[in-house]
Amino acid sequence: MACGRGGGSAAAAAQDARRAGGAAAPPEGVARITVLHTNDWHGHVQVRGEGGRRTGGLAAAAAVLAEARREAEATGAGVLVLDAGDWFQGTPEGALEKGAVVVDLLGLLRLDAGALGNHEFDHGRAVAESLVARAPFPVLCANLRDPATRGPMAGVRSHLLLDRAGVRVGVVGLLTERLGAAPGALAGLELRPAAESAREALGRAREEGARMTLLLTHLGVEEDRALAAACPEAGLIVGGHSHTPLPEGERPVPEGPWILQTAGLGTQIGRADLEVERRTGRVRSCRARLVELDEAATGADPEVARIVAESTSAVSAAMREKLGEAIEGLSRDARRFAGVSSPLGSWVADVIREATGAEAALVNRTGLRGALRRGAVTRRTIHEIAPFENTLVTLSLAGSELRGVLERALSEPRLWLEVSGIRATYDPRAENGARVREVTVAGKPLRNEARVVVGTISFLAGGGDGQRGFLGGRDRKDSGGSLRDALEKWVRARGRFRHPYENRLVRLDRPEAPDPGEPGGDD
């Protein structure tokens, strides 16, 4: 069930604002509250596009939020502005000072609260705590605890109370239990079950006077749906992590909370206009929509645009440097290449194998975030493909260990590995742990007792994504050179290039390889 229909464009948003200005007052005892929300910025603070269509970015977001605040002031509605985490990791601008610059810039949106995302821990606990200390908005997470203090991580609150339009609102933050960061990133912190922590924090918020309650989550839409069943008393779930646009919101549990989320990457502002009973805090109605950030329709805040440009000018200029030219694009789209190797992932794995001199190479698909599009390849292109601070590592695995790594990679889509020097057949209909059939390395059958020199990235070599099979590797050597540097060097050396596609992990139930095509909007 959706919240209710609303226009997705800025024109529709402006029309709604005009309607609201002349709307009748809400029934007695009912408040109007507008919730404005973002998620998964991943450092995309810059506007996209040159000269023609200009989309996304902080300046357009600030303009939309300012208009919504003016409307609320005119109509007597309350406004909440919330962000659901993953602030910085993904762009060169996001990498500045390990996310500190982006956190400063997000302060320009005047957020009421933000949730912790998993990528806030990509550089470890100390950096995450420094980002929290720096954030010019309250940071919430109820299920991340410090056993030493028996409370939240330093600087973080489990929940927050805010008064809006005569209603006391309790906001509770939650972080995914599938952190995804390399082992040790939490450094002694404890992640507790989200639903249990949510119920505890919601209870405390109500004891402290909250009437309406909402959950600000970085869990992903599937976990949000489960949370809606576990916490039906919450009015809203404002989510992130899965980048799932919900144009009208969704209400999976009758009389339970509505779920909201945007596509992230600085492309949309989510908006939900609520009618809330003042006495009980019950959300009587919810009208949700997504506002696309297109400067031609939304406008842009000139002062925010100036500050963003000044804060990121040096790195932005460096990222425009052309390295080479791709004759054909390479995609890693998880839907098109579900259960098979992707063109982009195979290329990255090939670069790793060449750079390390290994017999085989493996890299996680989820660590590749951009696409290689046909035409000019710039340093920004490479950074968006490989945004994480991974170095190249070689180690020796027994054949049985390598087979185990492949088995885990085939157990669920988020664990998928791209490979080079390896060809394997597998049966997805078999049980986990018994899917891999024939495996060859450098064209020769893999024997369990053989040793294979494998090239990979430091994230996987350290057991990231639960790939503990790498931890037993012998003769471990970290090159100190980054994956990005290896990709840049490869492109510079070739200038104009094409990389042929072949499927290296073959499904026995569907052995044909998909058409590689060109990168699309999902890349």
Protein backbone atom coordinates (compact mmCIF):
# COMPACT_ATOMS: atom_id res chain seq x y z
CA MET A 1 0.00 0.00 0.00
CA ALA A 2 1.43 3.39 -0.97
CA CYS A 3 1.31 6.57 1.04
CA GLY A 4 -0.68 8.34 -1.64
CA ARG A 5 0.07 9.83 -4.99
CA GLY A 6 2.20 12.91 -5.47
CA GLY A 7 4.04 14.55 -8.33
CA GLY A 8 7.70 13.63 -8.73
CA SER A 9 8.81 16.79 -10.50
CA ALA A 10 9.72 20.15 -9.06
CA ALA A 11 6.81 21.65 -11.03
CA ALA A 12 4.45 19.29 -9.26
CA ALA A 13 6.07 20.14 -5.95
CA ALA A 14 5.57 23.86 -6.59
CA GLN A 15 1.93 23.25 -7.55
CA ASP A 16 1.42 21.33 -4.32
CA ALA A 17 2.96 24.22 -2.41
CA ARG A 18 0.49 26.65 -3.96
CA ARG A 19 -2.38 24.33 -3.09
CA ALA A 20 -1.15 24.03 0.48
CA GLY A 21 -1.02 27.80 0.80
CA GLY A 22 -4.78 27.99 0.27
CA ALA A 23 -5.70 24.68 1.89
CA ALA A 24 -8.21 24.47 4.66
CA ALA A 25 -6.83 24.08 8.15
CA PRO A 26 -6.49 20.48 9.34
CA PRO A 27 -9.19 19.07 11.63
CA GLU A 28 -8.97 20.10 15.27
CA GLY A 29 -6.37 18.06 17.12
CA VAL A 30 -4.49 17.22 13.92
CA ALA A 31 -1.05 18.60 12.97
CA ARG A 32 0.60 18.77 9.58
CA ILE A 33 4.23 17.66 9.45
CA THR A 34 6.39 17.50 6.34
CA VAL A 35 9.27 15.01 6.39
CA LEU A 36 12.07 15.76 3.90
CA HIS A 37 14.70 13.07 3.54
CA THR A 38 17.86 12.00 1.74
CA ASN A 39 20.05 8.91 1.90
CA ASP A 40 23.28 7.52 0.48
CA TRP A 41 24.91 10.73 -0.75
CA HIS A 42 28.20 8.83 -1.22
CA GLY A 43 29.98 12.12 -1.77
CA HIS A 44 27.83 13.25 -4.74
CA VAL A 45 27.72 16.88 -3.65
CA GLN A 46 28.53 18.28 -7.09
CA VAL A 47 25.96 19.01 -9.76
CA ARG A 48 26.18 16.67 -12.76
CA GLY A 49 26.21 17.90 -16.35
CA GLU A 50 27.90 20.75 -18.10
CA GLY A 51 26.05 23.54 -19.89
CA GLY A 52 22.89 21.58 -20.73
CA ARG A 53 20.87 19.64 -18.21
CA ARG A 54 22.29 19.96 -14.69
CA THR A 55 21.09 17.43 -12.15
CA GLY A 56 21.74 16.40 -8.58
CA GLY A 57 24.00 17.93 -5.97
CA LEU A 58 23.77 19.93 -2.78
CA ALA A 59 22.87 23.27 -4.33
CA ALA A 60 19.65 21.94 -5.89
CA ALA A 61 18.85 20.01 -2.70
CA ALA A 62 19.26 23.18 -0.64
CA ALA A 63 16.89 25.04 -2.96
CA VAL A 64 14.20 22.37 -2.61
CA LEU A 65 14.54 22.28 1.17
CA ALA A 66 14.38 26.07 1.43
CA GLU A 67 11.16 26.17 -0.59
CA ALA A 68 9.62 23.48 1.59
CA ARG A 69 10.53 25.40 4.74
CA ARG A 70 8.98 28.60 3.35
CA GLU A 71 5.80 26.71 2.53
CA ALA A 72 5.66 25.20 6.00
CA GLU A 73 6.09 28.59 7.64
CA ALA A 74 3.20 29.95 5.56
CA THR A 75 0.85 27.05 6.35
CA GLY A 76 1.80 26.31 9.96
CA ALA A 77 3.17 22.85 9.19
CA GLY A 78 6.18 21.43 10.97
CA VAL A 79 9.25 20.28 9.03
CA LEU A 80 11.72 17.46 9.70
CA VAL A 81 14.84 17.12 7.54
CA LEU A 82 16.57 13.75 7.88
CA ASP A 83 19.40 11.82 6.25
CA ALA A 84 19.74 8.02 6.37
CA GLY A 85 23.52 7.61 6.14
CA ASP A 86 26.45 6.74 3.83
CA TRP A 87 27.64 10.31 3.56
CA PHE A 88 30.94 10.31 1.73
CA GLN A 89 32.36 7.16 0.14
CA GLY A 90 32.08 7.00 -3.65
CA THR A 91 33.48 10.15 -5.28
CA PRO A 92 36.80 12.00 -5.27
CA GLU A 93 35.11 14.82 -3.39
CA GLY A 94 33.88 12.31 -0.82
CA ALA A 95 37.43 11.09 -0.28
CA LEU A 96 38.63 14.53 0.79
CA GLU A 97 39.90 14.26 4.35
CA LYS A 98 38.25 10.82 4.60
CA GLY A 99 34.76 12.26 4.39
CA ALA A 100 35.22 15.30 6.60
CA VAL A 101 34.62 17.82 3.78
CA VAL A 102 31.35 16.18 2.75
CA VAL A 103 30.13 16.04 6.35
CA ASP A 104 30.82 19.79 6.62
CA LEU A 105 28.93 20.40 3.36
CA LEU A 106 25.92 18.35 4.46
CA GLY A 107 25.62 20.86 7.29
CA LEU A 108 24.45 23.35 4.65
CA LEU A 109 21.19 21.39 4.43
CA ARG A 110 20.40 22.13 8.11
CA LEU A 111 19.58 18.52 8.89
CA ASP A 112 17.61 17.75 12.04
CA ALA A 113 19.27 14.34 12.33
CA GLY A 114 21.37 11.83 10.41
CA ALA A 115 21.81 8.08 10.73
CA LEU A 116 25.13 6.27 10.61
CA GLY A 117 25.74 4.31 7.39
CA ASN A 118 28.03 1.33 6.95
CA HIS A 119 30.49 3.30 4.82
CA GLU A 120 31.10 5.72 7.66
CA PHE A 121 33.31 2.88 9.01
CA ASP A 122 35.36 2.30 5.86
CA HIS A 123 38.39 3.90 7.49
CA GLY A 124 37.77 2.33 10.89
CA ARG A 125 36.23 3.35 14.18
CA ALA A 126 38.49 6.32 14.90
CA VAL A 127 37.59 8.04 11.61
CA ALA A 128 33.89 7.28 12.09
CA GLU A 129 34.01 8.86 15.54
CA SER A 130 35.80 11.91 14.13
CA LEU A 131 33.08 12.32 11.49
CA VAL A 132 30.39 12.09 14.16
CA ALA A 133 32.19 14.69 16.28
CA ARG A 134 32.45 16.95 13.26
CA ALA A 135 28.85 16.54 12.05
CA PRO A 136 26.80 19.75 12.48
CA PHE A 137 23.70 17.65 13.12
CA PRO A 138 22.77 14.97 15.67
CA VAL A 139 23.87 11.45 14.64
CA LEU A 140 21.62 8.53 15.65
CA CYS A 141 22.18 4.79 16.02
CA ALA A 142 20.40 2.67 18.63
CA ASN A 143 21.92 -0.72 17.78
CA LEU A 144 25.64 0.14 17.86
CA ARG A 145 26.96 -0.13 21.40
CA ASP A 146 30.26 0.41 23.16
CA PRO A 147 30.58 -2.42 25.73
CA ALA A 148 33.06 -0.31 27.71
CA THR A 149 30.44 2.35 28.43
CA ARG A 150 27.31 0.24 27.89
CA GLY A 151 26.03 3.06 25.72
CA PRO A 152 26.17 4.21 22.10
CA MET A 153 29.38 4.96 20.25
CA ALA A 154 31.01 8.23 21.32
CA GLY A 155 29.01 11.22 20.11
CA VAL A 156 26.07 9.11 18.89
CA ARG A 157 22.56 9.06 20.36
CA SER A 158 20.12 6.18 20.19
CA HIS A 159 17.19 8.56 19.68
CA LEU A 160 16.24 12.22 19.57
CA LEU A 161 13.10 14.16 20.52
CA LEU A 162 11.96 17.06 18.35
CA ASP A 163 8.89 19.28 18.68
CA ARG A 164 7.10 20.01 15.42
CA ALA A 165 3.69 21.68 15.00
CA GLY A 166 2.80 20.91 18.59
CA VAL A 167 3.75 17.21 18.34
CA ARG A 168 6.73 15.72 20.12
CA VAL A 169 8.45 13.41 17.61
CA GLY A 170 10.85 10.64 18.61
CA VAL A 171 13.46 9.71 16.00
CA VAL A 172 15.42 6.45 16.40
CA GLY A 173 18.50 5.57 14.31
CA LEU A 174 19.52 2.07 13.14
CA LEU A 175 22.51 0.64 11.26
CA THR A 176 22.64 -2.51 9.14
CA GLU A 177 24.09 -5.56 10.86
CA ARG A 178 25.75 -6.48 7.55
CA LEU A 179 28.34 -3.78 7.91
CA GLY A 180 30.38 -4.78 4.86
CA ALA A 181 33.50 -3.02 6.12
CA ALA A 182 36.73 -4.94 6.57
CA PRO A 183 36.97 -6.98 9.79
CA GLY A 184 38.12 -4.85 12.69
CA ALA A 185 36.44 -1.67 11.44
CA LEU A 186 34.27 -1.51 14.55
CA ALA A 187 37.26 -2.00 16.88
CA GLY A 188 35.39 -3.30 19.90
CA LEU A 189 31.96 -1.85 19.17
CA GLU A 190 29.00 -4.22 19.17
CA LEU A 191 26.23 -4.28 16.56
CA ARG A 192 22.98 -5.51 18.09
CA PRO A 193 19.84 -6.80 16.31
CA ALA A 194 18.02 -3.86 14.71
CA ALA A 195 14.45 -4.81 15.63
CA GLU A 196 15.24 -5.46 19.29
CA SER A 197 17.18 -2.20 19.57
CA ALA A 198 14.41 -0.31 17.80
CA ARG A 199 11.74 -1.52 20.21
CA GLU A 200 13.89 -0.56 23.21
CA ALA A 201 14.66 2.93 21.86
CA LEU A 202 11.06 3.54 20.77
CA GLY A 203 9.95 2.65 24.27
CA ARG A 204 12.41 5.09 25.84
CA ALA A 205 11.36 7.83 23.43
CA ARG A 206 7.71 7.36 24.42
CA GLU A 207 8.63 7.36 28.11
CA GLU A 208 10.32 10.72 27.50
CA GLY A 209 7.18 12.18 25.98
CA ALA A 210 7.26 11.30 22.28
CA ARG A 211 3.87 10.99 20.63
CA MET A 212 4.73 10.28 17.00
CA THR A 213 7.76 8.03 16.47
CA LEU A 214 9.82 7.24 13.39
CA LEU A 215 12.81 5.06 12.55
CA LEU A 216 15.73 6.54 10.62
CA THR A 217 17.43 3.47 9.20
CA HIS A 218 20.40 2.40 7.16
CA LEU A 219 19.19 -1.18 6.70
CA GLY A 220 17.88 -1.53 3.13
CA VAL A 221 14.29 -1.82 2.00
CA GLU A 222 13.92 -5.56 2.66
CA GLU A 223 15.02 -5.18 6.28
CA ASP A 224 12.82 -2.09 6.58
CA ARG A 225 9.84 -4.23 5.54
CA ALA A 226 10.67 -6.76 8.25
CA LEU A 227 11.14 -3.90 10.72
CA ALA A 228 7.67 -2.56 9.86
CA ALA A 229 6.20 -5.86 11.04
CA ALA A 230 8.36 -5.89 14.19
CA CYS A 231 7.60 -2.24 15.11
CA PRO A 232 4.05 -1.52 13.91
CA GLU A 233 3.73 1.30 16.46
CA ALA A 234 6.22 3.50 14.53
CA GLY A 235 4.67 6.07 12.21
CA LEU A 236 7.39 6.10 9.53
CA ILE A 237 10.54 4.31 8.48
CA VAL A 238 12.86 6.70 6.65
CA GLY A 239 15.43 4.40 5.06
CA GLY A 240 18.64 4.06 3.12
CA HIS A 241 21.36 1.55 2.15
CA SER A 242 19.61 -0.25 -0.74
CA HIS A 243 19.14 2.90 -2.88
CA THR A 244 15.53 1.87 -3.51
CA PRO A 245 13.39 4.75 -4.81
CA LEU A 246 9.86 4.53 -3.40
CA PRO A 247 7.99 7.19 -5.41
CA GLU A 248 4.84 7.04 -3.27
CA GLY A 249 6.23 5.32 -0.21
CA GLU A 250 5.02 1.90 0.85
CA ARG A 251 2.99 0.50 3.74
CA PRO A 252 3.60 -3.26 3.88
CA VAL A 253 1.79 -3.80 7.21
CA PRO A 254 -1.81 -2.54 7.51
CA GLU A 255 -1.92 0.25 10.09
CA GLY A 256 1.87 -0.06 10.40
CA PRO A 257 4.57 2.45 9.43
CA TRP A 258 5.03 3.84 5.95
CA ILE A 259 8.48 3.20 4.42
CA LEU A 260 10.28 6.00 2.55
CA GLN A 261 13.56 5.95 0.58
CA THR A 262 15.21 7.71 -2.38
CA ALA A 263 17.60 6.40 -5.04
CA GLY A 264 20.42 8.23 -3.27
CA LEU A 265 23.59 9.66 -4.86
CA GLY A 266 22.27 13.20 -4.49
CA THR A 267 19.63 12.72 -7.18
CA GLN A 268 16.38 13.11 -5.25
CA ILE A 269 14.75 14.64 -2.19
CA GLY A 270 12.05 12.53 -0.63
CA ARG A 271 9.02 14.31 0.75
CA ALA A 272 6.13 13.01 2.86
CA ASP A 273 3.30 15.29 3.98
CA LEU A 274 1.68 13.86 7.10
CA GLU A 275 -1.43 14.50 9.14
CA VAL A 276 -0.71 13.49 12.73
CA GLU A 277 -3.06 13.27 15.69
CA ARG A 278 -1.60 15.55 18.33
CA ARG A 279 -2.82 13.51 21.31
CA THR A 280 -1.80 10.02 20.17
CA GLY A 281 0.87 10.74 17.54
CA ARG A 282 -0.89 8.42 15.09
CA VAL A 283 -0.15 9.20 11.45
CA ARG A 284 -3.63 9.60 9.92
CA SER A 285 -2.40 10.11 6.37
CA CYS A 286 0.84 10.20 4.43
CA ARG A 287 1.26 11.71 0.98
CA ALA A 288 4.73 10.88 -0.37
CA ARG A 289 6.68 11.74 -3.47
CA LEU A 290 10.23 12.02 -4.77
CA VAL A 291 11.46 15.36 -6.10
CA GLU A 292 14.06 14.94 -8.84
CA LEU A 293 16.98 17.35 -8.44
CA ASP A 294 17.07 19.05 -11.83
CA GLU A 295 18.31 22.64 -11.64
CA ALA A 296 16.11 23.75 -14.56
CA ALA A 297 13.04 22.89 -12.47
CA THR A 298 14.20 23.23 -8.88
CA GLY A 299 16.74 26.01 -9.14
CA ALA A 300 19.95 25.97 -7.10
CA ASP A 301 21.07 27.83 -4.01
CA PRO A 302 23.90 30.08 -5.29
CA GLU A 303 25.66 30.37 -1.93
CA VAL A 304 25.64 26.58 -1.44
CA ALA A 305 26.90 26.13 -5.01
CA ARG A 306 29.75 28.57 -4.31
CA ILE A 307 30.78 26.82 -1.09
CA VAL A 308 30.69 23.37 -2.72
CA ALA A 309 32.78 24.59 -5.65
CA GLU A 310 35.37 26.25 -3.39
CA SER A 311 35.61 23.23 -1.09
CA THR A 312 36.16 20.74 -3.90
CA SER A 313 37.80 22.77 -6.68
CA ALA A 314 41.30 21.26 -6.56
CA VAL A 315 40.24 17.63 -6.61
CA SER A 316 37.51 18.29 -9.19
CA ALA A 317 40.04 19.83 -11.58
CA ALA A 318 42.46 16.91 -11.14
CA MET A 319 39.71 14.40 -11.84
CA ARG A 320 39.05 15.88 -15.30
CA GLU A 321 42.41 14.60 -16.61
CA LYS A 322 41.90 12.26 -19.57
CA LEU A 323 43.71 8.91 -19.34
CA GLY A 324 42.52 7.19 -22.49
CA GLU A 325 39.49 6.26 -24.55
CA ALA A 326 37.19 3.25 -24.37
CA ILE A 327 36.01 2.03 -27.77
CA GLU A 328 33.19 0.14 -26.03
CA GLY A 329 31.67 0.58 -22.58
CA LEU A 330 31.90 -2.03 -19.83
CA SER A 331 28.99 -2.70 -17.48
CA ARG A 332 28.74 -4.41 -14.12
CA ASP A 333 24.94 -4.23 -13.86
CA ALA A 334 23.91 -6.81 -11.24
CA ARG A 335 20.58 -7.53 -12.94
CA ARG A 336 21.88 -8.04 -16.46
CA PHE A 337 24.80 -10.14 -15.22
CA ALA A 338 23.08 -11.96 -12.35
CA GLY A 339 24.92 -15.23 -11.77
CA VAL A 340 27.59 -14.63 -14.42
CA SER A 341 30.77 -12.61 -14.84
CA SER A 342 30.31 -8.96 -15.83
CA PRO A 343 32.40 -7.17 -18.47
CA LEU A 344 33.56 -4.47 -16.05
CA GLY A 345 34.34 -6.90 -13.25
CA SER A 346 36.29 -9.19 -15.57
CA TRP A 347 38.34 -6.23 -16.80
CA VAL A 348 39.17 -5.12 -13.24
CA ALA A 349 40.13 -8.67 -12.28
CA ASP A 350 42.35 -8.90 -15.38
CA VAL A 351 44.10 -5.65 -14.40
CA ILE A 352 44.72 -7.01 -10.90
CA ARG A 353 46.17 -10.26 -12.26
CA GLU A 354 48.45 -8.39 -14.66
CA ALA A 355 49.57 -5.85 -12.06
CA THR A 356 50.37 -8.49 -9.43
CA GLY A 357 51.75 -11.19 -11.73
CA ALA A 358 49.42 -13.70 -10.07
CA GLU A 359 48.04 -16.87 -11.62
CA ALA A 360 44.48 -15.84 -10.77
CA ALA A 361 42.71 -12.75 -9.45
CA LEU A 362 39.46 -12.08 -7.64
CA VAL A 363 37.57 -8.89 -6.78
CA ASN A 364 34.13 -8.28 -5.23
CA ARG A 365 31.52 -6.89 -7.61
CA THR A 366 29.93 -4.78 -4.86
CA GLY A 367 33.22 -2.90 -4.50
CA LEU A 368 32.92 -1.62 -8.09
CA ARG A 369 30.58 1.33 -8.13
CA GLY A 370 30.72 3.07 -11.50
CA ALA A 371 30.74 1.99 -15.14
CA LEU A 372 33.26 2.37 -17.93
CA ARG A 373 31.32 4.23 -20.60
CA ARG A 374 32.30 4.51 -24.21
CA GLY A 375 34.51 7.52 -24.92
CA ALA A 376 36.92 9.48 -22.77
CA VAL A 377 38.17 7.75 -19.63
CA THR A 378 39.16 10.27 -16.96
CA ARG A 379 40.58 9.95 -13.50
CA ARG A 380 37.04 10.54 -12.21
CA THR A 381 35.84 7.55 -14.26
CA ILE A 382 38.37 5.32 -12.52
CA HIS A 383 37.66 6.77 -9.08
CA GLU A 384 33.94 6.16 -9.45
CA ILE A 385 34.59 2.56 -10.53
CA ALA A 386 36.96 1.92 -7.61
CA PRO A 387 36.18 4.48 -4.88
CA PHE A 388 37.53 2.49 -1.93
CA GLU A 389 41.05 2.71 -0.54
CA ASN A 390 42.11 -0.82 -1.49
CA THR A 391 45.67 -1.93 -2.13
CA LEU A 392 46.69 -4.94 -4.22
CA VAL A 393 47.65 -8.09 -2.32
CA THR A 394 49.07 -11.43 -3.44
CA LEU A 395 48.83 -14.65 -1.44
CA SER A 396 49.02 -18.38 -2.00
CA LEU A 397 45.86 -20.46 -1.54
CA ALA A 398 45.47 -24.21 -1.63
CA GLY A 399 43.17 -25.44 -4.37
CA SER A 400 40.63 -26.47 -1.74
CA GLU A 401 40.74 -22.98 -0.19
CA LEU A 402 40.21 -21.32 -3.57
CA ARG A 403 37.28 -23.63 -4.25
CA GLY A 404 35.83 -22.63 -0.85
CA VAL A 405 36.17 -18.94 -1.72
CA LEU A 406 34.24 -19.55 -4.96
CA GLU A 407 31.56 -21.50 -3.09
CA ARG A 408 30.95 -18.59 -0.73
CA ALA A 409 30.86 -16.15 -3.64
CA LEU A 410 28.05 -18.19 -5.18
CA SER A 411 25.97 -18.35 -2.01
CA GLU A 412 24.23 -14.98 -2.47
CA PRO A 413 24.40 -12.07 -4.95
CA ARG A 414 26.03 -9.55 -2.59
CA LEU A 415 29.05 -11.88 -2.22
CA TRP A 416 29.65 -12.30 -5.96
CA LEU A 417 33.30 -12.27 -7.04
CA GLU A 418 34.66 -11.36 -10.44
CA VAL A 419 37.59 -13.53 -11.55
CA SER A 420 40.58 -13.62 -13.88
CA GLY A 421 42.63 -16.69 -14.82
CA ILE A 422 39.79 -18.84 -13.47
CA ARG A 423 37.00 -20.62 -15.26
CA ALA A 424 34.37 -22.53 -13.29
CA THR A 425 31.04 -24.20 -13.86
CA TYR A 426 28.44 -24.31 -11.12
CA ASP A 427 24.89 -25.42 -10.46
CA PRO A 428 22.83 -22.69 -8.70
CA ARG A 429 20.15 -25.31 -7.98
CA ALA A 430 22.48 -27.20 -5.64
CA GLU A 431 22.78 -26.41 -1.95
CA ASN A 432 25.26 -23.80 -0.75
CA GLY A 433 28.67 -25.41 -0.40
CA ALA A 434 28.03 -27.91 -3.17
CA ARG A 435 27.55 -25.67 -6.19
CA VAL A 436 31.01 -25.49 -7.75
CA ARG A 437 31.75 -28.26 -10.26
CA GLU A 438 34.71 -27.95 -12.63
CA VAL A 439 37.38 -25.32 -11.95
CA THR A 440 40.42 -24.50 -14.06
CA VAL A 441 43.23 -22.06 -13.34
CA ALA A 442 45.33 -20.91 -16.30
CA GLY A 443 43.55 -23.60 -18.34
CA LYS A 444 44.50 -26.50 -16.06
CA PRO A 445 42.12 -28.41 -13.72
CA LEU A 446 42.33 -27.18 -10.13
CA ARG A 447 43.62 -29.82 -7.70
CA ASN A 448 42.77 -29.48 -4.01
CA GLU A 449 46.38 -29.92 -2.91
CA ALA A 450 47.85 -27.49 -5.47
CA ARG A 451 48.97 -23.98 -4.48
CA VAL A 452 47.68 -21.03 -6.50
CA VAL A 453 49.13 -17.50 -6.33
CA VAL A 454 46.11 -15.21 -6.16
CA GLY A 455 45.93 -11.45 -6.62
CA THR A 456 43.15 -9.57 -4.87
CA ILE A 457 42.39 -6.38 -2.95
CA SER A 458 43.16 -5.69 0.69
CA PHE A 459 39.46 -5.74 1.65
CA LEU A 460 39.05 -9.37 0.57
CA ALA A 461 42.52 -10.41 1.71
CA GLY A 462 41.54 -9.29 5.20
CA GLY A 463 38.40 -11.41 5.19
CA GLY A 464 35.95 -8.71 4.09
CA ASP A 465 32.41 -9.83 3.18
CA GLY A 466 33.02 -12.81 5.44
CA GLN A 467 35.46 -14.32 2.92
CA ARG A 468 37.53 -16.05 5.58
CA GLY A 469 39.02 -18.35 2.97
CA PHE A 470 41.57 -15.66 2.17
CA LEU A 471 42.79 -15.53 5.77
CA GLY A 472 44.66 -18.83 5.46
CA GLY A 473 46.70 -17.60 2.50
CA ARG A 474 50.48 -18.04 2.69
CA ASP A 475 53.25 -15.74 1.48
CA ARG A 476 51.00 -12.71 1.83
CA LYS A 477 52.39 -9.54 0.22
CA ASP A 478 50.67 -6.16 0.16
CA SER A 479 52.04 -4.13 -2.74
CA GLY A 480 51.07 -0.83 -1.15
CA GLY A 481 49.82 0.24 -4.59
CA SER A 482 46.13 0.99 -4.94
CA LEU A 483 43.63 -0.64 -7.26
CA ARG A 484 42.87 2.81 -8.68
CA ASP A 485 46.52 3.37 -9.55
CA ALA A 486 46.67 0.01 -11.32
CA LEU A 487 43.55 0.81 -13.37
CA GLU A 488 44.85 4.27 -14.28
CA LYS A 489 48.22 2.83 -15.33
CA TRP A 490 46.54 0.18 -17.49
CA VAL A 491 44.41 2.76 -19.33
CA ARG A 492 47.32 5.19 -19.83
CA ALA A 493 49.48 2.41 -21.29
CA ARG A 494 46.88 1.51 -23.92
CA GLY A 495 45.39 4.88 -24.79
CA ARG A 496 42.49 3.72 -26.95
CA PHE A 497 41.27 0.27 -26.03
CA ARG A 498 38.59 -2.40 -26.15
CA HIS A 499 38.27 -5.25 -23.65
CA PRO A 500 36.48 -8.37 -24.95
CA TYR A 501 33.84 -10.04 -22.80
CA GLU A 502 33.76 -13.69 -21.81
CA ASN A 503 31.77 -15.32 -19.04
CA ARG A 504 34.12 -17.08 -16.63
CA LEU A 505 31.62 -18.43 -14.10
CA VAL A 506 29.19 -20.54 -16.09
CA ARG A 507 25.78 -21.63 -14.83
CA LEU A 508 24.99 -25.22 -15.77
CA ASP A 509 21.27 -24.39 -15.97
CA ARG A 510 21.91 -21.42 -18.29
CA PRO A 511 25.32 -21.77 -19.94
CA GLU A 512 24.86 -19.02 -22.52
CA ALA A 513 26.46 -15.66 -21.73
CA PRO A 514 24.29 -12.51 -21.85
CA ASP A 515 24.80 -9.78 -24.41
CA PRO A 516 27.38 -7.46 -22.79
CA GLY A 517 25.64 -4.39 -24.21
CA GLU A 518 26.62 -0.92 -23.09
CA PRO A 519 26.45 0.49 -19.55
CA GLY A 520 23.00 1.78 -18.73
CA GLY A 521 21.35 3.84 -16.03
CA ASP A 522 21.73 1.09 -13.44
CA ASP A 523 25.51 1.07 -13.61
